[in-house]
Amino acid sequence: MLADIVHYLACPVCREGLRLSSGALRCGQGHAFDVARQGYVSLLTGSQPPGTADSPAMVAARADFLAAGHYAPLADALAAAVHDHAPPAAAGHEHAPLPADARGHEGAGGRRGPVVVDAGAGTGYYGAAVLDALPKATGIAFDISKHAVKRAARAHPRIGALVADVWKPLPIGDAVADVVIDVFAPRNGPEFARILRPGGRLVVVTPSRDHLRPLVEELGLLSVDEAKEQRVAESLRGFGEVDTRAVRFEMALSRADVARVVEMGPSAWHTDPEALNHQIQKFPEWTPTVASFRLSIFESPARSRVTP
């Protein structure tokens, strides 16, 4: 809920702190951002969201595919990695007391629990899995798509959701996050370093070269290029990789599942729906499909080394 995360947020216009009042988030400079009836808030400023923000159809396809449990092994692996590598606070210990006006986060003795930021959260599926593994944690989920954020706001009782652009200064305070997770989303290394507290962890999940085989070949989908790992490393300069795990499993996908896995990802922007459906109808009732990912855990850089 927004009430549980507002004190970790920053006004996207002036960077002042925000408070929740009369159905809006407000800062001391008078900037206000209305809370939607679904419980999320948009902290975008200026121009409209980019054309690559997930559409309602893409979000619906993703929600249906994930609800069927096809990527549950990935969610479990992510939650386990966060639990294994999170700093002590995220694993169950508590932080120093919050300021006196920071209501809604206190545990015993007025101390707050750990904070997990889900960057490019989509529907909040993976963030919810991580929060289940960290029972004292609070989640901040953001995505550029308001259609996704509507669902993320309901993904878990300890998630607060907002619309924000990962490529711009994030409307999140300095050094408030114990963990940032980034699953198939763009990576803004300097901003992730800024919002992570010293000793915090960044967990990044990217698809591997053989992900969604044989669908990639048979349907002409976008594939993972050979320079993917290098580009991830370049985007996270200053972070130190402390662990990497391969997550690979097989799925049996129905024709409807195949359509959803295409419609929910980047290939949706590059395929003709009618032609795709025609091809999928030629598939057998169930298609064995590979799911393959790289899960990397990074330690936040020292604050003195963070590039402004």
Protein backbone atom coordinates (compact mmCIF):
# COMPACT_ATOMS: atom_id res chain seq x y z
CA MET A 1 0.00 0.00 0.00
CA LEU A 2 1.13 3.55 -0.72
CA ALA A 3 0.83 4.49 2.96
CA ASP A 4 3.57 1.96 3.71
CA ILE A 5 6.07 3.35 1.18
CA VAL A 6 5.37 7.08 0.92
CA HIS A 7 8.17 7.97 3.34
CA TYR A 8 10.67 6.27 1.06
CA LEU A 9 9.61 8.30 -1.97
CA ALA A 10 10.81 11.63 -3.36
CA CYS A 11 8.95 14.21 -5.41
CA PRO A 12 9.97 13.72 -9.06
CA VAL A 13 9.92 17.50 -9.59
CA CYS A 14 11.86 18.92 -6.64
CA ARG A 15 13.15 15.79 -4.81
CA GLU A 16 11.49 16.77 -1.52
CA GLY A 17 9.84 14.11 0.60
CA LEU A 18 6.21 13.20 0.00
CA ARG A 19 3.22 12.69 2.27
CA LEU A 20 -0.16 11.09 1.62
CA SER A 21 -3.03 13.54 2.07
CA SER A 22 -6.58 13.77 0.67
CA GLY A 23 -6.11 11.14 -2.02
CA ALA A 24 -2.79 12.47 -3.32
CA LEU A 25 0.93 12.42 -2.65
CA ARG A 26 2.14 15.94 -1.89
CA CYS A 27 5.48 17.60 -1.20
CA GLY A 28 6.27 20.77 0.70
CA GLN A 29 6.67 22.72 -2.55
CA GLY A 30 3.05 22.08 -3.49
CA HIS A 31 3.52 19.41 -6.14
CA ALA A 32 0.71 16.86 -5.99
CA PHE A 33 0.12 13.47 -7.60
CA ASP A 34 -3.33 11.91 -7.47
CA VAL A 35 -3.72 8.37 -6.20
CA ALA A 36 -5.69 6.19 -8.63
CA ARG A 37 -8.69 4.28 -7.34
CA GLN A 38 -6.70 1.04 -7.85
CA GLY A 39 -4.27 2.23 -5.17
CA TYR A 40 -1.24 3.25 -7.23
CA VAL A 41 0.17 6.66 -8.12
CA SER A 42 1.87 7.97 -11.26
CA LEU A 43 5.06 9.91 -10.55
CA LEU A 44 5.84 10.51 -14.20
CA THR A 45 6.49 14.09 -15.22
CA GLY A 46 6.61 15.84 -18.56
CA SER A 47 6.02 13.80 -21.69
CA GLN A 48 3.76 10.81 -22.10
CA PRO A 49 5.14 7.30 -21.37
CA PRO A 50 7.27 5.86 -24.20
CA GLY A 51 5.56 3.76 -26.82
CA THR A 52 7.26 0.64 -25.45
CA ALA A 53 5.23 0.68 -22.22
CA ASP A 54 3.34 -2.60 -21.99
CA SER A 55 -0.15 -2.41 -23.43
CA PRO A 56 -3.27 -3.80 -21.71
CA ALA A 57 -3.12 -6.86 -23.99
CA MET A 58 0.52 -7.54 -23.14
CA VAL A 59 -0.15 -7.19 -19.41
CA ALA A 60 -3.19 -9.47 -19.58
CA ALA A 61 -1.20 -12.12 -21.46
CA ARG A 62 1.59 -11.95 -18.88
CA ALA A 63 -0.83 -12.15 -15.95
CA ASP A 64 -2.53 -15.23 -17.41
CA PHE A 65 0.76 -16.95 -18.26
CA LEU A 66 2.27 -16.34 -14.82
CA ALA A 67 -0.93 -17.33 -13.03
CA ALA A 68 -0.68 -20.72 -14.73
CA GLY A 69 2.59 -21.30 -12.87
CA HIS A 70 4.89 -21.69 -15.87
CA TYR A 71 7.58 -19.41 -14.40
CA ALA A 72 7.07 -20.47 -10.78
CA PRO A 73 10.51 -22.17 -10.69
CA LEU A 74 12.09 -18.84 -11.63
CA ALA A 75 10.13 -16.98 -8.94
CA ASP A 76 11.25 -19.58 -6.39
CA ALA A 77 14.89 -19.29 -7.49
CA LEU A 78 14.74 -15.51 -7.28
CA ALA A 79 13.23 -15.56 -3.80
CA ALA A 80 15.86 -18.06 -2.64
CA ALA A 81 18.70 -15.96 -4.08
CA VAL A 82 17.44 -12.82 -2.36
CA HIS A 83 17.05 -14.67 0.92
CA ASP A 84 20.55 -16.18 0.64
CA HIS A 85 22.36 -12.99 -0.37
CA ALA A 86 20.34 -10.17 1.13
CA PRO A 87 22.09 -8.03 3.74
CA PRO A 88 21.23 -8.95 7.36
CA ALA A 89 18.41 -6.41 7.60
CA ALA A 90 16.56 -7.96 4.67
CA ALA A 91 16.97 -11.43 6.10
CA GLY A 92 15.00 -10.53 9.21
CA HIS A 93 16.90 -7.98 11.28
CA GLU A 94 15.66 -4.46 11.67
CA HIS A 95 17.03 -1.04 10.78
CA ALA A 96 17.60 2.02 12.89
CA PRO A 97 14.50 4.00 13.91
CA LEU A 98 12.65 6.02 11.31
CA PRO A 99 12.04 9.75 11.66
CA ALA A 100 9.16 10.62 13.98
CA ASP A 101 6.77 11.35 11.11
CA ALA A 102 7.41 8.03 9.33
CA ARG A 103 4.28 6.20 10.38
CA GLY A 104 3.33 2.82 9.02
CA HIS A 105 6.80 1.18 9.07
CA GLU A 106 7.50 0.67 12.75
CA GLY A 107 8.02 -2.73 14.20
CA ALA A 108 8.92 -3.43 17.82
CA GLY A 109 10.79 -0.50 19.27
CA GLY A 110 9.84 1.79 16.36
CA ARG A 111 12.29 0.21 13.91
CA ARG A 112 11.54 -0.38 10.27
CA GLY A 113 11.83 -3.56 8.29
CA PRO A 114 13.82 -4.04 5.08
CA VAL A 115 12.81 -2.47 1.77
CA VAL A 116 12.73 -4.31 -1.56
CA VAL A 117 12.44 -2.29 -4.78
CA ASP A 118 11.07 -4.13 -7.82
CA ALA A 119 12.33 -2.21 -10.86
CA GLY A 120 10.26 -2.69 -14.01
CA ALA A 121 7.94 -4.74 -11.84
CA GLY A 122 5.31 -5.60 -14.42
CA THR A 123 2.40 -7.22 -12.63
CA GLY A 124 4.38 -7.58 -9.38
CA TYR A 125 4.58 -11.38 -9.65
CA TYR A 126 8.28 -11.66 -8.80
CA GLY A 127 8.24 -8.95 -6.15
CA ALA A 128 5.44 -10.79 -4.38
CA ALA A 129 7.48 -14.00 -4.35
CA VAL A 130 10.41 -12.17 -2.78
CA LEU A 131 8.21 -10.58 -0.11
CA ASP A 132 6.85 -14.00 0.78
CA ALA A 133 10.45 -15.04 1.47
CA LEU A 134 11.11 -11.90 3.56
CA PRO A 135 8.13 -11.64 5.92
CA LYS A 136 9.21 -8.32 7.48
CA ALA A 137 9.97 -6.56 4.20
CA THR A 138 8.07 -3.80 2.41
CA GLY A 139 7.99 -3.70 -1.38
CA ILE A 140 8.16 -0.71 -3.74
CA ALA A 141 7.09 -1.76 -7.24
CA PHE A 142 7.40 0.56 -10.21
CA ASP A 143 6.92 0.22 -13.94
CA ILE A 144 6.47 2.55 -16.91
CA SER A 145 3.16 0.87 -17.79
CA LYS A 146 0.16 2.00 -15.75
CA HIS A 147 -1.66 -1.11 -16.92
CA ALA A 148 0.99 -3.29 -15.26
CA VAL A 149 1.15 -1.13 -12.13
CA LYS A 150 -2.60 -1.49 -11.60
CA ARG A 151 -2.00 -5.19 -11.12
CA ALA A 152 1.22 -4.77 -9.15
CA ALA A 153 -0.66 -2.65 -6.60
CA ARG A 154 -2.76 -5.75 -5.80
CA ALA A 155 0.01 -8.35 -6.08
CA HIS A 156 0.85 -8.45 -2.37
CA PRO A 157 -0.43 -6.73 0.78
CA ARG A 158 3.06 -5.34 1.49
CA ILE A 159 3.60 -3.80 -1.96
CA GLY A 160 3.12 -0.14 -2.79
CA ALA A 161 3.08 0.58 -6.54
CA LEU A 162 3.82 3.57 -8.72
CA VAL A 163 4.34 4.51 -12.35
CA ALA A 164 7.90 5.68 -13.00
CA ASP A 165 10.49 5.61 -15.77
CA VAL A 166 13.62 3.60 -14.98
CA TRP A 167 15.66 5.79 -17.34
CA LYS A 168 14.94 8.95 -15.36
CA PRO A 169 15.88 9.90 -11.78
CA LEU A 170 13.78 7.54 -9.71
CA PRO A 171 11.22 9.09 -7.31
CA ILE A 172 12.79 7.13 -4.45
CA GLY A 173 14.98 8.48 -1.68
CA ASP A 174 18.71 7.93 -1.28
CA ALA A 175 19.94 4.71 0.35
CA VAL A 176 16.51 3.39 1.33
CA ALA A 177 16.54 -0.02 -0.41
CA ASP A 178 18.08 -3.16 1.01
CA VAL A 179 17.42 -5.07 -2.21
CA VAL A 180 16.62 -4.08 -5.79
CA ILE A 181 15.33 -6.78 -8.12
CA ASP A 182 15.32 -6.34 -11.88
CA VAL A 183 13.64 -9.13 -13.85
CA PHE A 184 13.78 -8.70 -17.65
CA ALA A 185 13.77 -4.93 -17.17
CA PRO A 186 16.14 -2.11 -18.21
CA ARG A 187 18.93 -1.37 -15.72
CA ASN A 188 19.81 2.14 -14.57
CA GLY A 189 23.03 1.42 -12.70
CA PRO A 190 23.67 4.90 -11.23
CA GLU A 191 20.11 5.19 -9.93
CA PHE A 192 20.11 1.67 -8.51
CA ALA A 193 23.36 2.51 -6.71
CA ARG A 194 21.84 5.72 -5.35
CA ILE A 195 18.72 4.12 -3.87
CA LEU A 196 20.54 1.09 -2.42
CA ARG A 197 21.90 1.44 1.07
CA PRO A 198 25.57 0.47 1.70
CA GLY A 199 25.87 -3.29 1.54
CA GLY A 200 22.59 -3.64 -0.37
CA ARG A 201 22.07 -6.17 -3.13
CA LEU A 202 20.89 -5.93 -6.73
CA VAL A 203 19.49 -9.11 -8.26
CA VAL A 204 19.19 -9.16 -12.04
CA VAL A 205 17.44 -11.82 -14.13
CA THR A 206 18.00 -12.01 -17.89
CA PRO A 207 17.03 -14.65 -20.45
CA SER A 208 19.77 -17.00 -21.68
CA ARG A 209 20.57 -17.87 -25.27
CA ASP A 210 18.40 -20.99 -25.36
CA HIS A 211 15.37 -19.40 -23.69
CA LEU A 212 12.05 -20.33 -25.36
CA ARG A 213 13.53 -22.87 -27.72
CA PRO A 214 12.13 -24.14 -30.06
CA LEU A 215 9.57 -21.28 -30.21
CA VAL A 216 12.20 -18.69 -31.13
CA GLU A 217 13.18 -20.58 -34.26
CA GLU A 218 9.74 -21.79 -35.30
CA LEU A 219 7.96 -18.47 -34.81
CA GLY A 220 10.80 -16.10 -35.71
CA LEU A 221 10.85 -14.46 -32.27
CA LEU A 222 13.49 -12.06 -30.98
CA SER A 223 16.49 -13.96 -29.64
CA VAL A 224 19.05 -13.13 -26.97
CA ASP A 225 22.20 -11.73 -28.56
CA GLU A 226 25.67 -12.94 -27.65
CA ALA A 227 26.64 -9.59 -26.11
CA LYS A 228 23.83 -9.66 -23.53
CA GLU A 229 26.05 -10.41 -20.53
CA GLN A 230 28.56 -7.75 -21.58
CA ARG A 231 25.80 -5.15 -21.87
CA VAL A 232 24.49 -6.06 -18.41
CA ALA A 233 27.98 -5.63 -16.95
CA GLU A 234 28.48 -2.28 -18.69
CA SER A 235 25.16 -0.98 -17.38
CA LEU A 236 26.18 -1.83 -13.82
CA ARG A 237 29.68 -0.40 -13.61
CA GLY A 238 30.80 -0.10 -10.00
CA PHE A 239 28.66 -3.01 -8.82
CA GLY A 240 30.48 -6.16 -7.79
CA GLU A 241 29.01 -9.50 -8.88
CA VAL A 242 28.99 -11.83 -5.89
CA ASP A 243 27.13 -14.80 -7.37
CA THR A 244 25.49 -16.02 -10.54
CA ARG A 245 23.07 -18.88 -11.02
CA ALA A 246 21.68 -20.64 -14.06
CA VAL A 247 17.95 -21.30 -13.84
CA ARG A 248 16.73 -23.74 -16.47
CA PHE A 249 13.61 -25.88 -16.66
CA GLU A 250 11.23 -27.33 -19.22
CA MET A 251 7.62 -26.36 -19.76
CA ALA A 252 4.81 -28.06 -21.65
CA LEU A 253 2.90 -25.23 -23.30
CA SER A 254 -0.54 -25.42 -24.88
CA ARG A 255 -1.27 -23.42 -28.02
CA ALA A 256 -2.89 -20.75 -25.84
CA ASP A 257 0.21 -20.68 -23.62
CA VAL A 258 2.46 -20.24 -26.65
CA ALA A 259 0.37 -17.30 -27.80
CA ARG A 260 0.54 -15.72 -24.34
CA VAL A 261 4.31 -16.10 -23.96
CA VAL A 262 4.77 -14.32 -27.29
CA GLU A 263 2.16 -11.63 -26.59
CA MET A 264 3.64 -10.76 -23.18
CA GLY A 265 7.22 -10.11 -24.30
CA PRO A 266 9.19 -7.86 -26.66
CA SER A 267 8.33 -10.01 -29.65
CA ALA A 268 4.78 -8.68 -29.35
CA TRP A 269 6.01 -5.45 -30.95
CA HIS A 270 7.44 -7.29 -33.94
CA THR A 271 4.87 -9.94 -34.86
CA ASP A 272 1.61 -9.83 -36.76
CA PRO A 273 -1.09 -11.28 -34.47
CA GLU A 274 -3.08 -12.89 -37.27
CA ALA A 275 -0.02 -14.51 -38.86
CA LEU A 276 1.20 -15.62 -35.44
CA ASN A 277 -2.10 -17.27 -34.59
CA HIS A 278 -2.08 -19.07 -37.94
CA GLN A 279 1.37 -20.49 -37.19
CA ILE A 280 0.49 -21.52 -33.65
CA GLN A 281 -2.55 -23.47 -34.80
CA LYS A 282 -0.13 -25.80 -36.60
CA PHE A 283 1.58 -26.68 -33.31
CA PRO A 284 0.77 -29.91 -31.45
CA GLU A 285 -1.57 -29.72 -28.48
CA TRP A 286 1.42 -29.44 -26.13
CA THR A 287 4.85 -28.10 -27.07
CA PRO A 288 7.94 -28.89 -24.94
CA THR A 289 9.66 -25.55 -24.39
CA VAL A 290 12.87 -24.53 -22.60
CA ALA A 291 12.91 -21.74 -20.03
CA SER A 292 16.48 -20.58 -19.39
CA PHE A 293 17.71 -17.62 -17.36
CA ARG A 294 20.80 -16.09 -15.80
CA LEU A 295 20.31 -14.85 -12.25
CA SER A 296 23.09 -12.52 -11.07
CA ILE A 297 23.56 -11.00 -7.61
CA PHE A 298 25.53 -7.76 -7.24
CA GLU A 299 26.72 -5.82 -4.22
CA SER A 300 26.03 -2.11 -4.24
CA PRO A 301 29.09 0.05 -4.90
CA ALA A 302 30.62 2.15 -2.14
CA ARG A 303 28.83 5.48 -1.97
CA SER A 304 32.07 7.34 -2.64
CA ARG A 305 32.44 5.54 -5.96
CA VAL A 306 28.92 6.21 -7.24
CA THR A 307 28.97 8.46 -10.30
CA PRO A 308 26.48 11.36 -9.95
